[in-house]
């Protein structure tokens, strides 16, 4: 499992970054959006159809560009089985953001990845994913609350993402490349943290 400045859990190997990265200093990693009872939050924004089996509603707009294929995305999410409203996964509860490489995600996260690929850094959204792009006909052995053919709901915050020109998996990088990538992520994250703190200070009465 790879650590990226904070303690994100790694779903897939990472990649070298530009300025979209947010590290553990950012508010979205430390903080936790309010829950709406035991189920997904109620959202009134427009429904965007991303795929035949994936829709998105924006809770909070993000900024900048969207991640491209093979970007390493850092995200927090909660996941529910739509029909029962049973929550089966929560990275905020675990205090570990997920690290996902678009195009190399686990099969059961295909729908989530489609949603994440449409998001900008800092965006907070609600995703509805059909069972075909989730845990499929069999459901999940790891998450008993996810029954066969269960549609899913995700509440997601895209903390940031890391683009690479080489498209190298972190496991394929040399030690020097991995150190360089980590240094760039730290610098980018610290810069954004200072920017957010400055904006927050300017809003104080």
Protein backbone atom coordinates (compact mmCIF):
# COMPACT_ATOMS: atom_id res chain seq x y z
CA UNK A 1 0.00 0.00 0.00
CA UNK A 2 1.39 3.42 -0.88
CA UNK A 3 1.29 6.50 1.30
CA UNK A 4 0.95 9.89 -0.35
CA UNK A 5 2.04 12.53 2.22
CA UNK A 6 -0.99 11.62 4.37
CA UNK A 7 -2.25 8.10 4.71
CA UNK A 8 -4.41 7.42 1.67
CA UNK A 9 -5.06 3.79 0.98
CA UNK A 10 -3.89 2.74 -2.44
CA UNK A 11 -6.24 1.00 -4.81
CA UNK A 12 -3.82 1.12 -7.70
CA UNK A 13 -0.31 2.44 -8.40
CA UNK A 14 0.06 6.23 -8.68
CA UNK A 15 1.52 8.61 -11.16
CA UNK A 16 3.60 11.81 -11.32
CA UNK A 17 1.70 15.04 -10.70
CA UNK A 18 1.02 18.57 -11.76
CA UNK A 19 -0.69 21.28 -9.70
CA UNK A 20 -4.03 19.58 -9.03
CA UNK A 21 -2.80 17.61 -6.01
CA UNK A 22 -4.15 18.28 -2.55
CA UNK A 23 -2.35 16.63 0.35
CA UNK A 24 -3.24 15.91 3.94
CA UNK A 25 -3.14 19.63 4.80
CA UNK A 26 -6.30 20.33 2.81
CA UNK A 27 -9.66 20.78 4.47
CA UNK A 28 -11.39 18.05 2.49
CA UNK A 29 -9.02 15.43 3.91
CA UNK A 30 -9.24 16.64 7.50
CA UNK A 31 -12.91 17.49 7.41
CA UNK A 32 -15.98 15.43 6.77
CA UNK A 33 -19.12 16.61 4.98
CA UNK A 34 -22.28 16.41 7.08
CA UNK A 35 -24.34 13.26 6.75
CA UNK A 36 -28.03 13.35 5.93
CA UNK A 37 -29.39 10.84 8.42
CA UNK A 38 -28.32 7.28 7.73
CA UNK A 39 -28.68 7.44 3.96
CA UNK A 40 -27.21 9.45 1.08
CA UNK A 41 -27.59 13.25 1.19
CA UNK A 42 -30.61 14.79 -0.52
CA UNK A 43 -29.47 16.79 -3.54
CA UNK A 44 -31.64 19.09 -5.66
CA UNK A 45 -29.12 19.97 -8.38
CA UNK A 46 -29.50 18.95 -12.02
CA UNK A 47 -28.95 15.29 -12.85
CA UNK A 48 -26.12 14.82 -15.34
CA UNK A 49 -26.09 11.56 -17.31
CA UNK A 50 -22.48 10.41 -17.60
CA UNK A 51 -23.21 6.92 -18.87
CA UNK A 52 -26.22 4.72 -19.41
CA UNK A 53 -25.66 3.40 -15.88
CA UNK A 54 -24.08 6.42 -14.15
CA UNK A 55 -25.59 9.79 -13.20
CA UNK A 56 -24.14 12.67 -11.20
CA UNK A 57 -25.50 15.57 -9.15
CA UNK A 58 -23.08 18.26 -8.02
CA UNK A 59 -23.21 19.23 -4.36
CA UNK A 60 -20.27 21.65 -4.54
CA UNK A 61 -18.44 22.83 -7.66
CA UNK A 62 -14.76 22.05 -8.07
CA UNK A 63 -12.08 24.01 -9.91
CA UNK A 64 -9.61 23.59 -12.75
CA UNK A 65 -9.43 20.69 -15.18
CA UNK A 66 -10.84 17.16 -15.00
CA UNK A 67 -8.55 14.14 -14.67
CA UNK A 68 -7.64 12.20 -17.79
CA UNK A 69 -7.14 8.48 -18.26
CA UNK A 70 -4.40 7.05 -16.04
CA UNK A 71 -4.53 10.05 -13.70
CA UNK A 72 -4.07 9.07 -10.07
CA UNK A 73 -7.11 10.43 -8.24
CA UNK A 74 -7.37 10.97 -4.50
CA UNK A 75 -10.90 10.87 -3.15
CA UNK A 76 -13.08 10.45 -0.14
CA UNK A 77 -16.40 8.68 -0.54
CA UNK A 78 -19.32 7.01 1.17
CA UNK A 79 -21.18 4.19 -0.56
CA UNK A 80 -24.69 2.83 -0.08
CA UNK A 81 -26.81 0.09 -1.60
CA UNK A 82 -29.53 2.20 -3.20
CA UNK A 83 -32.56 0.00 -2.46
CA UNK A 84 -31.82 -0.60 1.23
CA UNK A 85 -29.88 2.63 1.99
CA UNK A 86 -27.36 0.51 3.87
CA UNK A 87 -23.94 2.17 3.92
CA UNK A 88 -21.20 -0.35 3.16
CA UNK A 89 -18.05 1.76 2.80
CA UNK A 90 -16.83 5.09 4.18
CA UNK A 91 -13.29 6.41 3.70
CA UNK A 92 -13.96 9.35 6.04
CA UNK A 93 -14.72 6.88 8.80
CA UNK A 94 -11.50 5.04 7.99
CA UNK A 95 -9.66 8.40 7.77
CA UNK A 96 -7.93 7.20 4.62
CA UNK A 97 -8.67 8.68 1.19
CA UNK A 98 -8.77 6.25 -1.71
CA UNK A 99 -6.09 6.42 -4.39
CA UNK A 100 -7.55 5.37 -7.75
CA UNK A 101 -5.85 5.25 -11.16
CA UNK A 102 -8.46 5.92 -13.84
CA UNK A 103 -8.49 3.12 -16.37
CA UNK A 104 -6.90 0.71 -13.89
CA UNK A 105 -9.60 0.67 -11.23
CA UNK A 106 -11.08 -2.52 -9.81
CA UNK A 107 -13.97 -3.90 -11.84
CA UNK A 108 -16.52 -3.17 -9.12
CA UNK A 109 -15.41 0.48 -9.12
CA UNK A 110 -15.96 1.06 -12.84
CA UNK A 111 -19.05 3.19 -12.24
CA UNK A 112 -17.32 5.17 -9.50
CA UNK A 113 -14.38 5.80 -11.83
CA UNK A 114 -16.69 7.10 -14.57
CA UNK A 115 -18.11 9.56 -12.07
CA UNK A 116 -14.71 10.63 -10.77
CA UNK A 117 -13.43 11.21 -14.32
CA UNK A 118 -16.15 13.86 -14.75
CA UNK A 119 -15.19 15.76 -11.59
CA UNK A 120 -12.85 18.66 -10.94
CA UNK A 121 -10.50 18.96 -7.98
CA UNK A 122 -12.46 19.91 -4.88
CA UNK A 123 -15.79 18.85 -6.37
CA UNK A 124 -18.35 17.19 -4.09
CA UNK A 125 -20.96 15.10 -5.87
CA UNK A 126 -23.56 12.36 -5.58
CA UNK A 127 -23.29 9.45 -8.02
CA UNK A 128 -25.89 6.82 -8.88
CA UNK A 129 -24.35 3.67 -10.38
CA UNK A 130 -26.19 0.73 -11.92
CA UNK A 131 -25.33 -2.73 -10.66
CA UNK A 132 -23.72 -3.61 -13.99
CA UNK A 133 -20.88 -1.16 -13.23
CA UNK A 134 -20.75 -2.06 -9.54
CA UNK A 135 -20.68 -5.46 -7.88
CA UNK A 136 -22.67 -7.15 -10.64
CA UNK A 137 -24.99 -10.14 -10.49
CA UNK A 138 -23.19 -11.76 -7.59
CA UNK A 139 -23.11 -8.83 -5.19
CA UNK A 140 -20.19 -8.46 -2.78
CA UNK A 141 -18.66 -11.09 -0.52
CA UNK A 142 -16.67 -8.40 1.31
CA UNK A 143 -19.74 -6.20 1.84
CA UNK A 144 -22.77 -8.39 2.73
CA UNK A 145 -25.04 -5.32 2.51
CA UNK A 146 -24.40 -5.26 -1.24
CA UNK A 147 -26.81 -7.87 -2.54
CA UNK A 148 -26.79 -9.35 -6.07
CA UNK A 149 -27.70 -6.79 -8.75
CA UNK A 150 -27.59 -3.91 -6.23
CA UNK A 151 -27.55 -0.38 -7.64
CA UNK A 152 -25.19 1.88 -5.72
CA UNK A 153 -25.05 5.48 -4.50
CA UNK A 154 -21.76 7.27 -3.85
CA UNK A 155 -21.14 10.57 -2.11
CA UNK A 156 -17.72 11.62 -3.41
CA UNK A 157 -15.21 14.42 -2.90
CA UNK A 158 -12.36 14.52 -5.41
CA UNK A 159 -9.50 15.84 -3.29
CA UNK A 160 -7.17 16.17 -6.27
CA UNK A 161 -5.41 14.21 -8.97
CA UNK A 162 -1.98 13.55 -10.32
CA UNK A 163 -1.31 13.58 -14.08
CA UNK A 164 1.68 11.88 -15.70
CA UNK A 165 3.13 12.13 -19.14
CA UNK A 166 4.95 8.81 -18.87
CA UNK A 167 1.92 6.88 -17.72
CA UNK A 168 4.16 4.85 -15.45
CA UNK A 169 2.73 2.88 -12.59
CA UNK A 170 4.38 3.76 -9.29
CA UNK A 171 5.64 0.20 -8.96
CA UNK A 172 7.45 0.65 -12.29
CA UNK A 173 9.15 3.91 -11.28
CA UNK A 174 12.75 4.15 -10.15
CA UNK A 175 13.40 5.27 -6.60
CA UNK A 176 14.45 8.69 -7.94
CA UNK A 177 11.21 9.05 -9.92
CA UNK A 178 9.08 8.13 -6.93
CA UNK A 179 10.91 10.59 -4.66
CA UNK A 180 10.51 13.31 -7.29
CA UNK A 181 6.80 12.58 -7.62
CA UNK A 182 6.30 12.73 -3.85
CA UNK A 183 8.20 16.02 -3.64
CA UNK A 184 6.04 17.55 -6.38
CA UNK A 185 2.86 16.39 -4.66
CA UNK A 186 3.99 17.90 -1.37
CA UNK A 187 4.90 21.23 -2.96
CA UNK A 188 1.60 21.41 -4.87
CA UNK A 189 -0.42 20.50 -1.81
CA UNK A 190 1.34 23.01 0.43
CA UNK A 191 0.78 25.77 -2.13
CA UNK A 192 -2.92 25.00 -2.33
CA UNK A 193 -3.17 24.81 1.45
CA UNK A 194 -1.66 28.29 1.76
CA UNK A 195 -4.02 29.55 -0.92
CA UNK A 196 -7.05 28.10 0.91
CA UNK A 197 -5.89 29.53 4.24
CA UNK A 198 -5.39 32.96 2.67
CA UNK A 199 -8.89 32.89 1.21
CA UNK A 200 -10.29 31.81 4.57
CA UNK A 201 -8.47 34.64 6.34
CA UNK A 202 -9.81 37.19 3.86
CA UNK A 203 -13.35 36.07 4.66
CA UNK A 204 -12.95 36.68 8.39
CA UNK A 205 -14.84 39.75 9.72
